[in-house]
Amino acid sequence: MPIALTKLTDRLDSAGARRGPRLWALGLLLALCLGLGVPNAPADTYTVTNTADSGAGSLRAALGSATEGDTIVFDASLAGATITLASALPSAASVTFANASGITVS
């Protein structure tokens, strides 16, 4: 019995030794891919063009469409305007706002 186990162990060791360089190269490739990462999709820009509570061009519509890294821009014609909301806005995780100076949201 001990001889058969020894031969099986020898076979496993030699098979592992042949696979070693391939596994090492695969591991290195995987580490490089994870380290370098896959580029993210480019960020989108949504423009608020009116003071309506909802619908096309509204702040609510822009927030509903935006995802992390996107930018919401307020049209220059809205400077000094007030956007009156009927209900709470959806949360905006990591969204950048631009040209919001002088705009009031209530």
N, C-alpha and C. Protein backbone atom coordinates (compact mmCIF):
# COMPACT_ATOMS: atom_id res chain seq x y z
N MET A 1 0.80 -1.21 0.00
CA MET A 1 0.00 0.00 0.00
C MET A 1 0.84 1.27 0.00
N PRO A 2 1.85 1.39 0.84
CA PRO A 2 2.62 2.63 0.85
C PRO A 2 3.25 2.95 -0.51
N ILE A 3 3.60 1.94 -1.30
CA ILE A 3 4.21 2.18 -2.61
C ILE A 3 3.20 2.84 -3.54
N ALA A 4 1.96 2.36 -3.54
CA ALA A 4 0.93 2.93 -4.41
C ALA A 4 0.67 4.39 -4.05
N LEU A 5 0.62 4.69 -2.77
CA LEU A 5 0.40 6.07 -2.35
C LEU A 5 1.56 6.96 -2.77
N THR A 6 2.78 6.44 -2.68
CA THR A 6 3.94 7.21 -3.07
C THR A 6 3.90 7.52 -4.56
N LYS A 7 3.52 6.54 -5.37
CA LYS A 7 3.46 6.76 -6.82
C LYS A 7 2.36 7.79 -7.15
N LEU A 8 1.24 7.72 -6.46
CA LEU A 8 0.18 8.69 -6.69
C LEU A 8 0.64 10.08 -6.31
N THR A 9 1.33 10.20 -5.21
CA THR A 9 1.86 11.49 -4.77
C THR A 9 2.86 12.02 -5.78
N ASP A 10 3.73 11.14 -6.31
CA ASP A 10 4.70 11.55 -7.32
C ASP A 10 4.00 12.07 -8.57
N ARG A 11 2.93 11.39 -8.97
CA ARG A 11 2.18 11.82 -10.15
C ARG A 11 1.56 13.20 -9.92
N LEU A 12 0.98 13.41 -8.75
CA LEU A 12 0.37 14.70 -8.46
C LEU A 12 1.43 15.81 -8.44
N ASP A 13 2.59 15.51 -7.84
CA ASP A 13 3.64 16.51 -7.77
C ASP A 13 4.15 16.86 -9.16
N SER A 14 4.35 15.85 -10.03
CA SER A 14 4.87 16.15 -11.36
C SER A 14 3.82 16.87 -12.20
N ALA A 15 2.54 16.54 -12.03
CA ALA A 15 1.49 17.25 -12.77
C ALA A 15 1.41 18.69 -12.32
N GLY A 16 1.53 18.90 -11.01
CA GLY A 16 1.50 20.26 -10.49
C GLY A 16 2.70 21.07 -10.96
N ALA A 17 3.83 20.44 -11.05
CA ALA A 17 5.03 21.13 -11.51
C ALA A 17 4.88 21.56 -12.97
N ARG A 18 4.22 20.73 -13.79
CA ARG A 18 4.02 21.11 -15.20
C ARG A 18 3.03 22.26 -15.31
N ARG A 19 2.03 22.29 -14.42
CA ARG A 19 1.03 23.34 -14.47
C ARG A 19 1.50 24.62 -13.79
N GLY A 20 2.51 24.52 -12.96
CA GLY A 20 2.98 25.66 -12.19
C GLY A 20 3.22 26.92 -12.99
N PRO A 21 4.05 26.86 -14.06
CA PRO A 21 4.30 28.09 -14.82
C PRO A 21 3.03 28.67 -15.46
N ARG A 22 2.14 27.80 -15.93
CA ARG A 22 0.91 28.30 -16.53
C ARG A 22 0.03 28.96 -15.48
N LEU A 23 -0.08 28.36 -14.33
CA LEU A 23 -0.89 28.95 -13.26
C LEU A 23 -0.29 30.26 -12.79
N TRP A 24 1.04 30.30 -12.71
CA TRP A 24 1.70 31.53 -12.29
C TRP A 24 1.43 32.64 -13.29
N ALA A 25 1.52 32.34 -14.59
CA ALA A 25 1.28 33.34 -15.63
C ALA A 25 -0.18 33.80 -15.61
N LEU A 26 -1.10 32.86 -15.39
CA LEU A 26 -2.52 33.21 -15.31
C LEU A 26 -2.77 34.11 -14.10
N GLY A 27 -2.15 33.77 -12.98
CA GLY A 27 -2.29 34.58 -11.77
C GLY A 27 -1.73 35.99 -11.98
N LEU A 28 -0.61 36.09 -12.66
CA LEU A 28 -0.01 37.39 -12.95
C LEU A 28 -0.92 38.21 -13.86
N LEU A 29 -1.46 37.57 -14.88
CA LEU A 29 -2.38 38.27 -15.80
C LEU A 29 -3.62 38.76 -15.05
N LEU A 30 -4.16 37.92 -14.19
CA LEU A 30 -5.34 38.31 -13.41
C LEU A 30 -5.01 39.48 -12.48
N ALA A 31 -3.87 39.43 -11.84
CA ALA A 31 -3.46 40.51 -10.94
C ALA A 31 -3.28 41.83 -11.70
N LEU A 32 -2.71 41.75 -12.89
CA LEU A 32 -2.54 42.96 -13.69
C LEU A 32 -3.87 43.54 -14.12
N CYS A 33 -4.79 42.67 -14.52
CA CYS A 33 -6.11 43.15 -14.94
C CYS A 33 -6.84 43.79 -13.78
N LEU A 34 -6.78 43.19 -12.61
CA LEU A 34 -7.46 43.76 -11.45
C LEU A 34 -6.78 45.04 -10.99
N GLY A 35 -5.48 45.07 -11.08
CA GLY A 35 -4.74 46.25 -10.65
C GLY A 35 -4.95 47.43 -11.58
N LEU A 36 -4.95 47.17 -12.87
CA LEU A 36 -5.13 48.25 -13.83
C LEU A 36 -6.59 48.62 -13.96
N GLY A 37 -7.45 47.67 -13.76
CA GLY A 37 -8.88 47.91 -13.84
C GLY A 37 -9.35 48.11 -15.26
N VAL A 38 -10.63 48.02 -15.41
CA VAL A 38 -11.27 48.27 -16.70
C VAL A 38 -11.77 49.70 -16.65
N PRO A 39 -11.51 50.48 -17.68
CA PRO A 39 -11.95 51.87 -17.63
C PRO A 39 -13.46 51.98 -17.48
N ASN A 40 -13.90 52.95 -16.67
CA ASN A 40 -15.33 53.18 -16.47
C ASN A 40 -15.92 53.85 -17.70
N ALA A 41 -17.19 53.70 -17.84
CA ALA A 41 -17.88 54.38 -18.92
C ALA A 41 -17.78 55.88 -18.68
N PRO A 42 -17.71 56.66 -19.75
CA PRO A 42 -17.61 58.10 -19.55
C PRO A 42 -18.84 58.64 -18.84
N ALA A 43 -18.63 59.67 -18.03
CA ALA A 43 -19.73 60.27 -17.28
C ALA A 43 -20.65 61.02 -18.23
N ASP A 44 -21.93 61.04 -17.90
CA ASP A 44 -22.93 61.76 -18.68
C ASP A 44 -23.22 63.11 -18.04
N THR A 45 -23.75 64.02 -18.83
CA THR A 45 -24.17 65.33 -18.34
C THR A 45 -25.65 65.50 -18.64
N TYR A 46 -26.40 65.91 -17.62
CA TYR A 46 -27.84 66.16 -17.76
C TYR A 46 -28.07 67.65 -17.47
N THR A 47 -28.87 68.29 -18.29
CA THR A 47 -29.12 69.72 -18.14
C THR A 47 -30.53 69.98 -17.66
N VAL A 48 -30.63 70.77 -16.58
CA VAL A 48 -31.93 71.21 -16.06
C VAL A 48 -32.27 72.48 -16.83
N THR A 49 -33.40 72.45 -17.53
CA THR A 49 -33.76 73.58 -18.39
C THR A 49 -35.01 74.31 -17.94
N ASN A 50 -35.68 73.81 -16.88
CA ASN A 50 -36.89 74.48 -16.42
C ASN A 50 -37.06 74.31 -14.91
N THR A 51 -38.02 74.98 -14.34
CA THR A 51 -38.26 74.92 -12.90
C THR A 51 -39.40 73.97 -12.53
N ALA A 52 -39.86 73.19 -13.49
CA ALA A 52 -40.96 72.25 -13.23
C ALA A 52 -40.54 71.21 -12.20
N ASP A 53 -41.52 70.69 -11.47
CA ASP A 53 -41.25 69.66 -10.46
C ASP A 53 -40.86 68.34 -11.11
N SER A 54 -41.39 68.06 -12.28
CA SER A 54 -41.08 66.80 -12.95
C SER A 54 -41.19 66.98 -14.46
N GLY A 55 -40.82 65.95 -15.17
CA GLY A 55 -40.88 66.00 -16.63
C GLY A 55 -39.55 66.33 -17.26
N ALA A 56 -39.53 66.30 -18.57
CA ALA A 56 -38.29 66.56 -19.32
C ALA A 56 -37.70 67.91 -18.94
N GLY A 57 -36.39 67.92 -18.70
CA GLY A 57 -35.69 69.16 -18.37
C GLY A 57 -35.75 69.56 -16.91
N SER A 58 -36.46 68.78 -16.08
CA SER A 58 -36.58 69.13 -14.67
C SER A 58 -35.41 68.56 -13.85
N LEU A 59 -35.22 69.13 -12.68
CA LEU A 59 -34.20 68.63 -11.76
C LEU A 59 -34.50 67.19 -11.38
N ARG A 60 -35.77 66.88 -11.13
CA ARG A 60 -36.16 65.51 -10.76
C ARG A 60 -35.80 64.51 -11.86
N ALA A 61 -36.06 64.88 -13.11
CA ALA A 61 -35.73 63.99 -14.23
C ALA A 61 -34.23 63.80 -14.35
N ALA A 62 -33.47 64.87 -14.16
CA ALA A 62 -32.00 64.77 -14.23
C ALA A 62 -31.47 63.87 -13.14
N LEU A 63 -31.97 64.03 -11.91
CA LEU A 63 -31.52 63.17 -10.81
C LEU A 63 -31.94 61.73 -11.02
N GLY A 64 -33.10 61.52 -11.61
CA GLY A 64 -33.58 60.16 -11.87
C GLY A 64 -32.75 59.44 -12.93
N SER A 65 -32.14 60.20 -13.82
CA SER A 65 -31.33 59.60 -14.89
C SER A 65 -29.85 59.49 -14.54
N ALA A 66 -29.38 60.36 -13.67
CA ALA A 66 -27.95 60.43 -13.35
C ALA A 66 -27.50 59.23 -12.52
N THR A 67 -26.28 58.82 -12.76
CA THR A 67 -25.64 57.77 -11.97
C THR A 67 -24.32 58.32 -11.43
N GLU A 68 -23.65 57.54 -10.63
CA GLU A 68 -22.41 57.98 -10.00
C GLU A 68 -21.42 58.53 -11.02
N GLY A 69 -20.91 59.72 -10.74
CA GLY A 69 -19.91 60.35 -11.59
C GLY A 69 -20.49 61.29 -12.64
N ASP A 70 -21.81 61.28 -12.81
CA ASP A 70 -22.45 62.16 -13.79
C ASP A 70 -22.50 63.59 -13.28
N THR A 71 -22.80 64.52 -14.18
CA THR A 71 -22.91 65.93 -13.84
C THR A 71 -24.29 66.45 -14.22
N ILE A 72 -24.88 67.24 -13.34
CA ILE A 72 -26.14 67.91 -13.61
C ILE A 72 -25.84 69.39 -13.72
N VAL A 73 -26.15 69.95 -14.88
CA VAL A 73 -25.87 71.35 -15.18
C VAL A 73 -27.19 72.11 -15.23
N PHE A 74 -27.22 73.28 -14.61
CA PHE A 74 -28.39 74.14 -14.67
C PHE A 74 -28.21 75.13 -15.80
N ASP A 75 -29.18 75.22 -16.68
CA ASP A 75 -29.14 76.15 -17.80
C ASP A 75 -29.00 77.58 -17.27
N ALA A 76 -28.25 78.40 -17.99
CA ALA A 76 -27.99 79.78 -17.56
C ALA A 76 -29.29 80.59 -17.41
N SER A 77 -30.32 80.22 -18.14
CA SER A 77 -31.60 80.95 -18.05
C SER A 77 -32.28 80.76 -16.70
N LEU A 78 -31.81 79.81 -15.88
CA LEU A 78 -32.42 79.54 -14.57
C LEU A 78 -31.77 80.35 -13.44
N ALA A 79 -30.78 81.16 -13.75
CA ALA A 79 -30.10 81.96 -12.72
C ALA A 79 -31.13 82.78 -11.94
N GLY A 80 -31.11 82.65 -10.62
CA GLY A 80 -32.02 83.37 -9.75
C GLY A 80 -33.41 82.73 -9.63
N ALA A 81 -33.65 81.62 -10.30
CA ALA A 81 -34.96 80.97 -10.28
C ALA A 81 -35.14 80.10 -9.04
N THR A 82 -36.39 79.76 -8.76
CA THR A 82 -36.72 78.86 -7.66
C THR A 82 -37.41 77.63 -8.24
N ILE A 83 -36.91 76.46 -7.85
CA ILE A 83 -37.53 75.20 -8.24
C ILE A 83 -38.34 74.73 -7.03
N THR A 84 -39.66 74.69 -7.18
CA THR A 84 -40.54 74.28 -6.08
C THR A 84 -40.91 72.82 -6.27
N LEU A 85 -40.63 72.02 -5.24
CA LEU A 85 -40.86 70.57 -5.33
C LEU A 85 -42.14 70.17 -4.62
N ALA A 86 -42.86 69.21 -5.20
CA ALA A 86 -44.06 68.67 -4.58
C ALA A 86 -43.73 67.55 -3.60
N SER A 87 -42.56 66.92 -3.78
CA SER A 87 -42.14 65.83 -2.90
C SER A 87 -40.62 65.76 -2.90
N ALA A 88 -40.08 64.93 -2.03
CA ALA A 88 -38.63 64.80 -1.90
C ALA A 88 -38.01 64.30 -3.20
N LEU A 89 -36.80 64.78 -3.46
CA LEU A 89 -36.07 64.33 -4.65
C LEU A 89 -35.43 62.97 -4.39
N PRO A 90 -35.18 62.19 -5.45
CA PRO A 90 -34.43 60.95 -5.27
C PRO A 90 -33.00 61.27 -4.84
N SER A 91 -32.38 60.37 -4.12
CA SER A 91 -31.01 60.61 -3.67
C SER A 91 -30.07 60.63 -4.86
N ALA A 92 -29.03 61.42 -4.76
CA ALA A 92 -28.04 61.54 -5.83
C ALA A 92 -26.67 61.18 -5.26
N ALA A 93 -26.24 59.96 -5.51
CA ALA A 93 -24.95 59.51 -5.01
C ALA A 93 -23.83 59.96 -5.94
N SER A 94 -22.93 60.77 -5.43
CA SER A 94 -21.74 61.20 -6.16
C SER A 94 -22.05 61.83 -7.51
N VAL A 95 -22.98 62.75 -7.51
CA VAL A 95 -23.32 63.51 -8.72
C VAL A 95 -22.79 64.93 -8.54
N THR A 96 -22.23 65.50 -9.58
CA THR A 96 -21.70 66.85 -9.53
C THR A 96 -22.73 67.82 -10.09
N PHE A 97 -22.92 68.94 -9.40
CA PHE A 97 -23.82 69.98 -9.87
C PHE A 97 -22.99 71.15 -10.39
N ALA A 98 -23.41 71.71 -11.52
CA ALA A 98 -22.69 72.85 -12.11
C ALA A 98 -23.67 73.96 -12.46
N ASN A 99 -23.19 75.18 -12.40
CA ASN A 99 -24.00 76.38 -12.72
C ASN A 99 -25.21 76.50 -11.82
N ALA A 100 -25.11 76.11 -10.57
CA ALA A 100 -26.25 76.15 -9.66
C ALA A 100 -26.31 77.46 -8.86
N SER A 101 -25.40 78.35 -9.13
CA SER A 101 -25.36 79.60 -8.37
C SER A 101 -26.64 80.41 -8.55
N GLY A 102 -27.22 80.82 -7.44
CA GLY A 102 -28.41 81.64 -7.47
C GLY A 102 -29.71 80.89 -7.65
N ILE A 103 -29.66 79.57 -7.74
CA ILE A 103 -30.86 78.77 -7.90
C ILE A 103 -31.31 78.27 -6.53
N THR A 104 -32.60 78.41 -6.25
CA THR A 104 -33.17 77.96 -4.99
C THR A 104 -34.04 76.76 -5.24
N VAL A 105 -33.89 75.74 -4.38
CA VAL A 105 -34.76 74.56 -4.45
C VAL A 105 -35.54 74.51 -3.14
N SER A 106 -36.87 74.50 -3.27
CA SER A 106 -37.69 74.48 -2.06
C SER A 106 -38.83 73.49 -2.20
